[in-house]
Amino acid sequence: MRRNDREINSFEEIVKVIEQCEVCHLAFFDEEYPYILPMNFGLKLEQEQITLYFHGALEGKKYELMAKNNKVGFEMDCSHRLVINEETSTCTMEYESVIGTGILTMVENADKLEALKILMKQYHREGFEINEKVIPFTNVFQLAVTSFTGKKRML
C-alpha cells in the first residue's frame, strides 16, 4: 500500500468497516475486460476467516463467469465525506474501504435459508421472516475471502 499512514492494520477495525458498508463490488474475470457487479451482501466471521454471502436470480452472466473462474476481487467503501478547504481552494474525501480476493462457491439448498438470514443481518434485519417459498427461485453464493486490506482517511 502506497500510503501506509492510511492502512487499517487491525482485523477488528476492518470488520467494523465491512459492517458499515451496504454494497460489495465483485470483480469477475471476463474475456477482454473485468465484469464488476455491485451486490448486497452478508458477513459471517469464524475466528479470523471472513465469508461474504450474496444472492441473485437463478441465471445470469455472473454465474457463467463463476463457472469459468470462481476467483474474484471485491471492494466495499463507506463513511464518505467531502472536505473542502476554502482558504487553499482544495478538497479531499474522507472514506473507509476494504479490498480483497476470494473464491466463490454456490450455497446448497439446505443452507440457503441460513445464508439469507446472514445477509439480512447486514442490513439490521435480524429476525426477518424470510418467505421460504422464494428459496428455490434464488441462487445464494458465498465468497471465502483469501486476502484483504483496509484503508481509511478521516481528518
N, C-alpha and C. Protein backbone atom coordinates (compact mmCIF):
# COMPACT_ATOMS: atom_id res chain seq x y z
N MET A 1 0.85 -1.18 0.00
CA MET A 1 0.00 0.00 0.00
C MET A 1 0.89 1.24 0.00
N ARG A 2 0.61 2.12 -0.92
CA ARG A 2 1.45 3.32 -1.07
C ARG A 2 1.38 4.22 0.16
N ARG A 3 0.21 4.43 0.70
CA ARG A 3 0.06 5.32 1.87
C ARG A 3 -0.13 4.48 3.13
N ASN A 4 0.99 4.07 3.73
CA ASN A 4 0.94 3.25 4.94
C ASN A 4 0.22 3.93 6.09
N ASP A 5 0.22 5.27 6.08
CA ASP A 5 -0.44 6.00 7.16
C ASP A 5 -1.96 5.85 7.09
N ARG A 6 -2.49 5.36 5.99
CA ARG A 6 -3.94 5.18 5.84
C ARG A 6 -4.36 3.72 5.96
N GLU A 7 -3.40 2.83 6.10
CA GLU A 7 -3.72 1.40 6.19
C GLU A 7 -4.39 1.06 7.51
N ILE A 8 -5.39 0.22 7.45
CA ILE A 8 -6.04 -0.31 8.65
C ILE A 8 -5.35 -1.63 8.95
N ASN A 9 -4.69 -1.73 10.09
CA ASN A 9 -3.91 -2.92 10.43
C ASN A 9 -4.67 -3.90 11.32
N SER A 10 -5.69 -3.45 11.98
CA SER A 10 -6.43 -4.29 12.92
C SER A 10 -7.55 -5.06 12.23
N PHE A 11 -7.58 -6.38 12.43
CA PHE A 11 -8.66 -7.20 11.88
C PHE A 11 -10.01 -6.71 12.38
N GLU A 12 -10.10 -6.38 13.66
CA GLU A 12 -11.36 -5.92 14.24
C GLU A 12 -11.84 -4.62 13.59
N GLU A 13 -10.91 -3.72 13.28
CA GLU A 13 -11.29 -2.46 12.65
C GLU A 13 -11.74 -2.68 11.20
N ILE A 14 -11.10 -3.62 10.50
CA ILE A 14 -11.54 -3.96 9.14
C ILE A 14 -12.95 -4.52 9.17
N VAL A 15 -13.22 -5.38 10.14
CA VAL A 15 -14.58 -5.94 10.28
C VAL A 15 -15.59 -4.83 10.54
N LYS A 16 -15.24 -3.84 11.35
CA LYS A 16 -16.14 -2.71 11.60
C LYS A 16 -16.46 -1.95 10.32
N VAL A 17 -15.46 -1.79 9.45
CA VAL A 17 -15.71 -1.13 8.16
C VAL A 17 -16.69 -1.97 7.34
N ILE A 18 -16.45 -3.28 7.25
CA ILE A 18 -17.34 -4.16 6.49
C ILE A 18 -18.76 -4.05 7.02
N GLU A 19 -18.91 -4.03 8.33
CA GLU A 19 -20.24 -3.96 8.94
C GLU A 19 -20.97 -2.67 8.60
N GLN A 20 -20.24 -1.60 8.30
CA GLN A 20 -20.85 -0.32 7.94
C GLN A 20 -21.24 -0.24 6.46
N CYS A 21 -20.64 -1.07 5.63
CA CYS A 21 -20.85 -0.97 4.19
C CYS A 21 -22.21 -1.58 3.80
N GLU A 22 -22.76 -1.07 2.71
CA GLU A 22 -24.05 -1.55 2.22
C GLU A 22 -23.93 -2.30 0.90
N VAL A 23 -22.85 -2.09 0.17
CA VAL A 23 -22.67 -2.70 -1.14
C VAL A 23 -21.26 -3.25 -1.24
N CYS A 24 -21.15 -4.43 -1.83
CA CYS A 24 -19.85 -5.03 -2.13
C CYS A 24 -19.76 -5.19 -3.64
N HIS A 25 -18.70 -4.68 -4.22
CA HIS A 25 -18.49 -4.80 -5.67
C HIS A 25 -17.63 -6.03 -5.93
N LEU A 26 -18.16 -6.95 -6.73
CA LEU A 26 -17.42 -8.15 -7.11
C LEU A 26 -16.85 -7.96 -8.50
N ALA A 27 -15.59 -8.31 -8.69
CA ALA A 27 -14.92 -8.21 -9.98
C ALA A 27 -14.60 -9.61 -10.49
N PHE A 28 -15.28 -9.98 -11.57
CA PHE A 28 -15.10 -11.29 -12.20
C PHE A 28 -14.14 -11.16 -13.38
N PHE A 29 -13.46 -12.27 -13.71
CA PHE A 29 -12.65 -12.32 -14.92
C PHE A 29 -13.59 -12.52 -16.11
N ASP A 30 -13.47 -11.67 -17.11
CA ASP A 30 -14.19 -11.85 -18.36
C ASP A 30 -13.13 -11.88 -19.46
N GLU A 31 -13.54 -12.09 -20.68
CA GLU A 31 -12.56 -12.29 -21.74
C GLU A 31 -11.67 -11.07 -21.98
N GLU A 32 -12.26 -9.92 -22.24
CA GLU A 32 -11.44 -8.76 -22.57
C GLU A 32 -11.34 -7.76 -21.41
N TYR A 33 -12.45 -7.58 -20.67
CA TYR A 33 -12.50 -6.61 -19.58
C TYR A 33 -13.04 -7.28 -18.33
N PRO A 34 -12.69 -6.75 -17.15
CA PRO A 34 -13.31 -7.26 -15.93
C PRO A 34 -14.82 -6.99 -15.97
N TYR A 35 -15.57 -7.81 -15.28
CA TYR A 35 -17.02 -7.64 -15.14
C TYR A 35 -17.27 -7.37 -13.67
N ILE A 36 -17.74 -6.17 -13.35
CA ILE A 36 -17.90 -5.75 -11.96
C ILE A 36 -19.38 -5.57 -11.64
N LEU A 37 -19.79 -6.14 -10.52
CA LEU A 37 -21.19 -6.05 -10.10
C LEU A 37 -21.30 -5.50 -8.68
N PRO A 38 -22.20 -4.55 -8.45
CA PRO A 38 -22.50 -4.14 -7.08
C PRO A 38 -23.50 -5.13 -6.50
N MET A 39 -23.24 -5.63 -5.31
CA MET A 39 -24.09 -6.67 -4.71
C MET A 39 -24.40 -6.34 -3.25
N ASN A 40 -25.62 -6.67 -2.82
CA ASN A 40 -25.91 -6.71 -1.39
C ASN A 40 -25.17 -7.92 -0.83
N PHE A 41 -24.82 -7.87 0.44
CA PHE A 41 -24.03 -8.96 0.99
C PHE A 41 -24.31 -9.16 2.47
N GLY A 42 -23.88 -10.30 2.97
CA GLY A 42 -23.92 -10.60 4.39
C GLY A 42 -22.54 -11.05 4.83
N LEU A 43 -22.22 -10.83 6.09
CA LEU A 43 -20.90 -11.13 6.64
C LEU A 43 -21.01 -12.23 7.69
N LYS A 44 -20.15 -13.23 7.55
CA LYS A 44 -20.03 -14.27 8.57
C LYS A 44 -18.56 -14.35 8.98
N LEU A 45 -18.32 -14.38 10.28
CA LEU A 45 -16.97 -14.49 10.82
C LEU A 45 -16.83 -15.80 11.59
N GLU A 46 -15.76 -16.50 11.33
CA GLU A 46 -15.37 -17.66 12.13
C GLU A 46 -13.91 -17.48 12.45
N GLN A 47 -13.63 -17.09 13.69
CA GLN A 47 -12.30 -16.67 14.12
C GLN A 47 -11.86 -15.51 13.22
N GLU A 48 -10.82 -15.66 12.46
CA GLU A 48 -10.41 -14.55 11.57
C GLU A 48 -10.63 -14.90 10.11
N GLN A 49 -11.59 -15.80 9.84
CA GLN A 49 -11.97 -16.13 8.46
C GLN A 49 -13.24 -15.36 8.11
N ILE A 50 -13.16 -14.56 7.05
CA ILE A 50 -14.30 -13.77 6.58
C ILE A 50 -14.97 -14.52 5.44
N THR A 51 -16.28 -14.68 5.54
CA THR A 51 -17.09 -15.23 4.46
C THR A 51 -18.19 -14.22 4.16
N LEU A 52 -18.35 -13.89 2.89
CA LEU A 52 -19.40 -12.98 2.45
C LEU A 52 -20.43 -13.78 1.67
N TYR A 53 -21.72 -13.47 1.89
CA TYR A 53 -22.82 -14.15 1.20
C TYR A 53 -23.53 -13.17 0.28
N PHE A 54 -23.98 -13.70 -0.86
CA PHE A 54 -24.68 -12.92 -1.88
C PHE A 54 -25.87 -13.72 -2.38
N HIS A 55 -26.80 -13.05 -3.02
CA HIS A 55 -27.94 -13.76 -3.63
C HIS A 55 -28.27 -13.14 -4.97
N GLY A 56 -29.01 -13.91 -5.77
CA GLY A 56 -29.40 -13.40 -7.08
C GLY A 56 -30.40 -14.32 -7.74
N ALA A 57 -30.72 -14.00 -8.98
CA ALA A 57 -31.63 -14.82 -9.78
C ALA A 57 -30.98 -16.18 -10.07
N LEU A 58 -31.71 -17.04 -10.72
CA LEU A 58 -31.20 -18.38 -11.00
C LEU A 58 -30.22 -18.44 -12.16
N GLU A 59 -30.19 -17.40 -12.98
CA GLU A 59 -29.27 -17.40 -14.10
C GLU A 59 -28.74 -15.99 -14.34
N GLY A 60 -27.66 -15.91 -15.08
CA GLY A 60 -27.09 -14.61 -15.40
C GLY A 60 -25.61 -14.72 -15.67
N LYS A 61 -25.04 -13.62 -16.13
CA LYS A 61 -23.64 -13.59 -16.54
C LYS A 61 -22.69 -13.93 -15.40
N LYS A 62 -23.00 -13.48 -14.18
CA LYS A 62 -22.09 -13.76 -13.06
C LYS A 62 -21.90 -15.25 -12.84
N TYR A 63 -22.96 -16.05 -13.06
CA TYR A 63 -22.84 -17.49 -12.88
C TYR A 63 -22.03 -18.13 -14.00
N GLU A 64 -22.18 -17.60 -15.22
CA GLU A 64 -21.37 -18.09 -16.34
C GLU A 64 -19.89 -17.83 -16.08
N LEU A 65 -19.58 -16.62 -15.60
CA LEU A 65 -18.19 -16.27 -15.32
C LEU A 65 -17.66 -17.05 -14.12
N MET A 66 -18.50 -17.26 -13.12
CA MET A 66 -18.10 -18.02 -11.93
C MET A 66 -17.76 -19.46 -12.31
N ALA A 67 -18.52 -20.04 -13.26
CA ALA A 67 -18.25 -21.41 -13.69
C ALA A 67 -16.90 -21.51 -14.40
N LYS A 68 -16.49 -20.45 -15.09
CA LYS A 68 -15.20 -20.44 -15.79
C LYS A 68 -14.04 -20.20 -14.84
N ASN A 69 -14.26 -19.29 -13.86
CA ASN A 69 -13.20 -18.93 -12.91
C ASN A 69 -13.87 -18.35 -11.68
N ASN A 70 -13.83 -19.09 -10.59
CA ASN A 70 -14.52 -18.64 -9.38
C ASN A 70 -13.65 -17.79 -8.45
N LYS A 71 -12.49 -17.37 -8.93
CA LYS A 71 -11.64 -16.45 -8.16
C LYS A 71 -12.04 -15.03 -8.54
N VAL A 72 -12.35 -14.20 -7.55
CA VAL A 72 -12.81 -12.84 -7.80
C VAL A 72 -12.09 -11.86 -6.89
N GLY A 73 -12.19 -10.58 -7.27
CA GLY A 73 -11.78 -9.50 -6.41
C GLY A 73 -13.02 -8.84 -5.85
N PHE A 74 -12.89 -8.14 -4.73
CA PHE A 74 -14.02 -7.41 -4.17
C PHE A 74 -13.56 -6.09 -3.59
N GLU A 75 -14.51 -5.16 -3.49
CA GLU A 75 -14.26 -3.84 -2.92
C GLU A 75 -15.53 -3.34 -2.28
N MET A 76 -15.39 -2.69 -1.13
CA MET A 76 -16.52 -2.02 -0.47
C MET A 76 -15.98 -0.77 0.21
N ASP A 77 -16.83 0.25 0.31
CA ASP A 77 -16.38 1.50 0.92
C ASP A 77 -17.57 2.20 1.59
N CYS A 78 -17.25 3.07 2.54
CA CYS A 78 -18.29 3.78 3.29
C CYS A 78 -17.68 5.02 3.94
N SER A 79 -18.48 5.71 4.73
CA SER A 79 -18.05 6.87 5.51
C SER A 79 -17.52 8.01 4.64
N HIS A 80 -18.18 8.22 3.52
CA HIS A 80 -17.74 9.26 2.58
C HIS A 80 -18.12 10.65 3.10
N ARG A 81 -17.17 11.57 2.99
CA ARG A 81 -17.44 12.96 3.35
C ARG A 81 -16.47 13.85 2.59
N LEU A 82 -17.01 14.76 1.82
CA LEU A 82 -16.19 15.73 1.10
C LEU A 82 -15.70 16.77 2.10
N VAL A 83 -14.40 17.05 2.06
CA VAL A 83 -13.78 18.03 2.95
C VAL A 83 -13.18 19.13 2.08
N ILE A 84 -13.71 20.34 2.23
CA ILE A 84 -13.27 21.48 1.43
C ILE A 84 -12.52 22.46 2.32
N ASN A 85 -11.36 22.90 1.81
CA ASN A 85 -10.59 23.93 2.48
C ASN A 85 -10.74 25.21 1.66
N GLU A 86 -11.57 26.11 2.15
CA GLU A 86 -11.85 27.36 1.42
C GLU A 86 -10.60 28.23 1.27
N GLU A 87 -9.73 28.21 2.29
CA GLU A 87 -8.53 29.07 2.27
C GLU A 87 -7.57 28.68 1.15
N THR A 88 -7.40 27.38 0.94
CA THR A 88 -6.44 26.92 -0.08
C THR A 88 -7.13 26.50 -1.38
N SER A 89 -8.45 26.57 -1.41
CA SER A 89 -9.23 26.15 -2.59
C SER A 89 -8.89 24.71 -2.99
N THR A 90 -8.82 23.84 -1.98
CA THR A 90 -8.56 22.41 -2.22
C THR A 90 -9.66 21.59 -1.57
N CYS A 91 -9.73 20.36 -2.01
CA CYS A 91 -10.68 19.45 -1.36
C CYS A 91 -10.11 18.04 -1.35
N THR A 92 -10.66 17.23 -0.47
CA THR A 92 -10.29 15.84 -0.35
C THR A 92 -11.52 15.07 0.09
N MET A 93 -11.37 13.78 0.26
CA MET A 93 -12.50 12.94 0.64
C MET A 93 -12.12 12.07 1.82
N GLU A 94 -13.01 12.00 2.79
CA GLU A 94 -12.87 11.02 3.86
C GLU A 94 -13.54 9.74 3.39
N TYR A 95 -13.02 8.60 3.82
CA TYR A 95 -13.59 7.30 3.44
C TYR A 95 -12.99 6.20 4.29
N GLU A 96 -13.62 5.04 4.24
CA GLU A 96 -13.08 3.80 4.76
C GLU A 96 -13.36 2.75 3.68
N SER A 97 -12.41 1.85 3.46
CA SER A 97 -12.62 0.85 2.40
C SER A 97 -11.91 -0.45 2.75
N VAL A 98 -12.41 -1.51 2.12
CA VAL A 98 -11.79 -2.83 2.23
C VAL A 98 -11.76 -3.40 0.82
N ILE A 99 -10.61 -3.92 0.42
CA ILE A 99 -10.50 -4.63 -0.85
C ILE A 99 -9.88 -6.00 -0.58
N GLY A 100 -10.13 -6.93 -1.50
CA GLY A 100 -9.54 -8.24 -1.32
C GLY A 100 -9.86 -9.19 -2.45
N THR A 101 -9.55 -10.44 -2.20
CA THR A 101 -9.78 -11.51 -3.15
C THR A 101 -10.42 -12.69 -2.43
N GLY A 102 -10.99 -13.58 -3.23
CA GLY A 102 -11.57 -14.76 -2.63
C GLY A 102 -12.08 -15.73 -3.67
N ILE A 103 -12.67 -16.81 -3.18
CA ILE A 103 -13.16 -17.88 -4.03
C ILE A 103 -14.66 -18.03 -3.80
N LEU A 104 -15.42 -17.95 -4.90
CA LEU A 104 -16.88 -18.06 -4.85
C LEU A 104 -17.31 -19.51 -5.02
N THR A 105 -18.30 -19.90 -4.23
CA THR A 105 -18.95 -21.20 -4.39
C THR A 105 -20.44 -21.03 -4.15
N MET A 106 -21.21 -21.89 -4.78
CA MET A 106 -22.66 -21.87 -4.60
C MET A 106 -23.00 -22.47 -3.24
N VAL A 107 -24.06 -21.94 -2.63
CA VAL A 107 -24.57 -22.47 -1.37
C VAL A 107 -25.64 -23.49 -1.70
N GLU A 108 -25.54 -24.65 -1.08
CA GLU A 108 -26.51 -25.73 -1.33
C GLU A 108 -27.88 -25.35 -0.79
N ASN A 109 -28.93 -25.94 -1.37
CA ASN A 109 -30.31 -25.63 -0.99
C ASN A 109 -30.55 -25.71 0.51
N ALA A 110 -29.98 -26.71 1.17
CA ALA A 110 -30.22 -26.90 2.60
C ALA A 110 -29.66 -25.74 3.44
N ASP A 111 -28.67 -25.02 2.91
CA ASP A 111 -28.01 -23.94 3.66
C ASP A 111 -28.43 -22.54 3.21
N LYS A 112 -29.30 -22.45 2.20
CA LYS A 112 -29.67 -21.14 1.66
C LYS A 112 -30.38 -20.27 2.69
N LEU A 113 -31.30 -20.84 3.46
CA LEU A 113 -32.06 -20.04 4.42
C LEU A 113 -31.13 -19.38 5.43
N GLU A 114 -30.19 -20.14 5.97
CA GLU A 114 -29.27 -19.58 6.95
C GLU A 114 -28.41 -18.48 6.32
N ALA A 115 -27.97 -18.70 5.09
CA ALA A 115 -27.17 -17.69 4.40
C ALA A 115 -27.98 -16.42 4.15
N LEU A 116 -29.25 -16.55 3.80
CA LEU A 116 -30.09 -15.38 3.59
C LEU A 116 -30.32 -14.62 4.90
N LYS A 117 -30.40 -15.33 6.00
CA LYS A 117 -30.53 -14.67 7.30
C LYS A 117 -29.27 -13.86 7.62
N ILE A 118 -28.10 -14.41 7.28
CA ILE A 118 -26.84 -13.68 7.48
C ILE A 118 -26.84 -12.42 6.61
N LEU A 119 -27.33 -12.54 5.40
CA LEU A 119 -27.40 -11.40 4.50
C LEU A 119 -28.32 -10.32 5.08
N MET A 120 -29.47 -10.70 5.59
CA MET A 120 -30.41 -9.73 6.16
C MET A 120 -29.84 -9.05 7.41
N LYS A 121 -29.03 -9.76 8.16
CA LYS A 121 -28.43 -9.20 9.38
C LYS A 121 -27.54 -7.99 9.04
N GLN A 122 -26.89 -8.02 7.87
CA GLN A 122 -26.04 -6.91 7.45
C GLN A 122 -26.84 -5.61 7.38
N TYR A 123 -28.13 -5.74 7.07
CA TYR A 123 -28.99 -4.56 6.90
C TYR A 123 -29.90 -4.37 8.11
N HIS A 124 -29.44 -4.87 9.25
CA HIS A 124 -30.12 -4.67 10.54
C HIS A 124 -31.53 -5.24 10.53
N ARG A 125 -31.70 -6.37 9.86
CA ARG A 125 -33.00 -7.03 9.79
C ARG A 125 -32.91 -8.44 10.37
N GLU A 126 -32.16 -8.57 11.46
CA GLU A 126 -32.06 -9.86 12.13
C GLU A 126 -33.45 -10.26 12.61
N GLY A 127 -33.79 -11.52 12.39
CA GLY A 127 -35.11 -12.00 12.78
C GLY A 127 -36.17 -11.80 11.72
N PHE A 128 -35.81 -11.22 10.57
CA PHE A 128 -36.75 -11.02 9.47
C PHE A 128 -37.25 -12.39 9.01
N GLU A 129 -38.55 -12.52 8.85
CA GLU A 129 -39.15 -13.78 8.40
C GLU A 129 -39.01 -13.89 6.88
N ILE A 130 -38.10 -14.75 6.44
CA ILE A 130 -37.88 -14.95 5.01
C ILE A 130 -38.93 -15.92 4.48
N ASN A 131 -39.58 -15.55 3.40
CA ASN A 131 -40.56 -16.41 2.76
C ASN A 131 -39.82 -17.59 2.12
N GLU A 132 -39.94 -18.76 2.70
CA GLU A 132 -39.19 -19.92 2.24
C GLU A 132 -39.61 -20.39 0.85
N LYS A 133 -40.73 -19.90 0.35
CA LYS A 133 -41.17 -20.27 -0.99
C LYS A 133 -40.27 -19.67 -2.07
N VAL A 134 -39.53 -18.60 -1.74
CA VAL A 134 -38.65 -17.98 -2.74
C VAL A 134 -37.29 -18.68 -2.84
N ILE A 135 -36.97 -19.51 -1.89
CA ILE A 135 -35.64 -20.14 -1.86
C ILE A 135 -35.35 -20.96 -3.12
N PRO A 136 -36.28 -21.76 -3.64
CA PRO A 136 -35.96 -22.50 -4.87
C PRO A 136 -35.73 -21.60 -6.08
N PHE A 137 -36.16 -20.35 -6.01
CA PHE A 137 -36.01 -19.41 -7.13
C PHE A 137 -34.88 -18.40 -6.90
N THR A 138 -34.04 -18.69 -5.91
CA THR A 138 -32.96 -17.78 -5.53
C THR A 138 -31.65 -18.54 -5.47
N ASN A 139 -30.64 -18.04 -6.17
CA ASN A 139 -29.29 -18.57 -6.01
C ASN A 139 -28.62 -17.83 -4.86
N VAL A 140 -27.88 -18.56 -4.06
CA VAL A 140 -27.10 -17.97 -2.98
C VAL A 140 -25.68 -18.48 -3.16
N PHE A 141 -24.73 -17.56 -3.07
CA PHE A 141 -23.34 -17.97 -3.19
C PHE A 141 -22.51 -17.27 -2.13
N GLN A 142 -21.36 -17.86 -1.84
CA GLN A 142 -20.50 -17.34 -0.78
C GLN A 142 -19.11 -17.09 -1.31
N LEU A 143 -18.47 -16.10 -0.70
CA LEU A 143 -17.09 -15.75 -1.02
C LEU A 143 -16.23 -16.06 0.19
N ALA A 144 -15.38 -17.06 0.07
CA ALA A 144 -14.39 -17.34 1.11
C ALA A 144 -13.22 -16.39 0.84
N VAL A 145 -13.08 -15.39 1.68
CA VAL A 145 -12.08 -14.34 1.47
C VAL A 145 -10.69 -14.93 1.73
N THR A 146 -9.79 -14.75 0.75
CA THR A 146 -8.43 -15.28 0.87
C THR A 146 -7.41 -14.21 1.21
N SER A 147 -7.70 -12.97 0.87
CA SER A 147 -6.81 -11.86 1.24
C SER A 147 -7.64 -10.58 1.31
N PHE A 148 -7.19 -9.64 2.13
CA PHE A 148 -7.90 -8.37 2.26
C PHE A 148 -7.00 -7.32 2.88
N THR A 149 -7.29 -6.07 2.55
CA THR A 149 -6.63 -4.94 3.18
C THR A 149 -7.68 -3.88 3.44
N GLY A 150 -7.42 -3.05 4.43
CA GLY A 150 -8.31 -1.95 4.74
C GLY A 150 -7.57 -0.63 4.69
N LYS A 151 -8.32 0.40 4.34
CA LYS A 151 -7.72 1.73 4.23
C LYS A 151 -8.75 2.77 4.67
N LYS A 152 -8.26 3.83 5.31
CA LYS A 152 -9.18 4.90 5.68
C LYS A 152 -8.47 6.25 5.67
N ARG A 153 -9.27 7.25 5.43
CA ARG A 153 -8.79 8.62 5.57
C ARG A 153 -9.88 9.38 6.30
N MET A 154 -9.60 9.76 7.51
CA MET A 154 -10.52 10.53 8.34
C MET A 154 -9.74 11.70 8.89
N LEU A 155 -10.21 12.92 8.65
CA LEU A 155 -9.50 14.10 9.12
C LEU A 155 -9.96 14.50 10.51
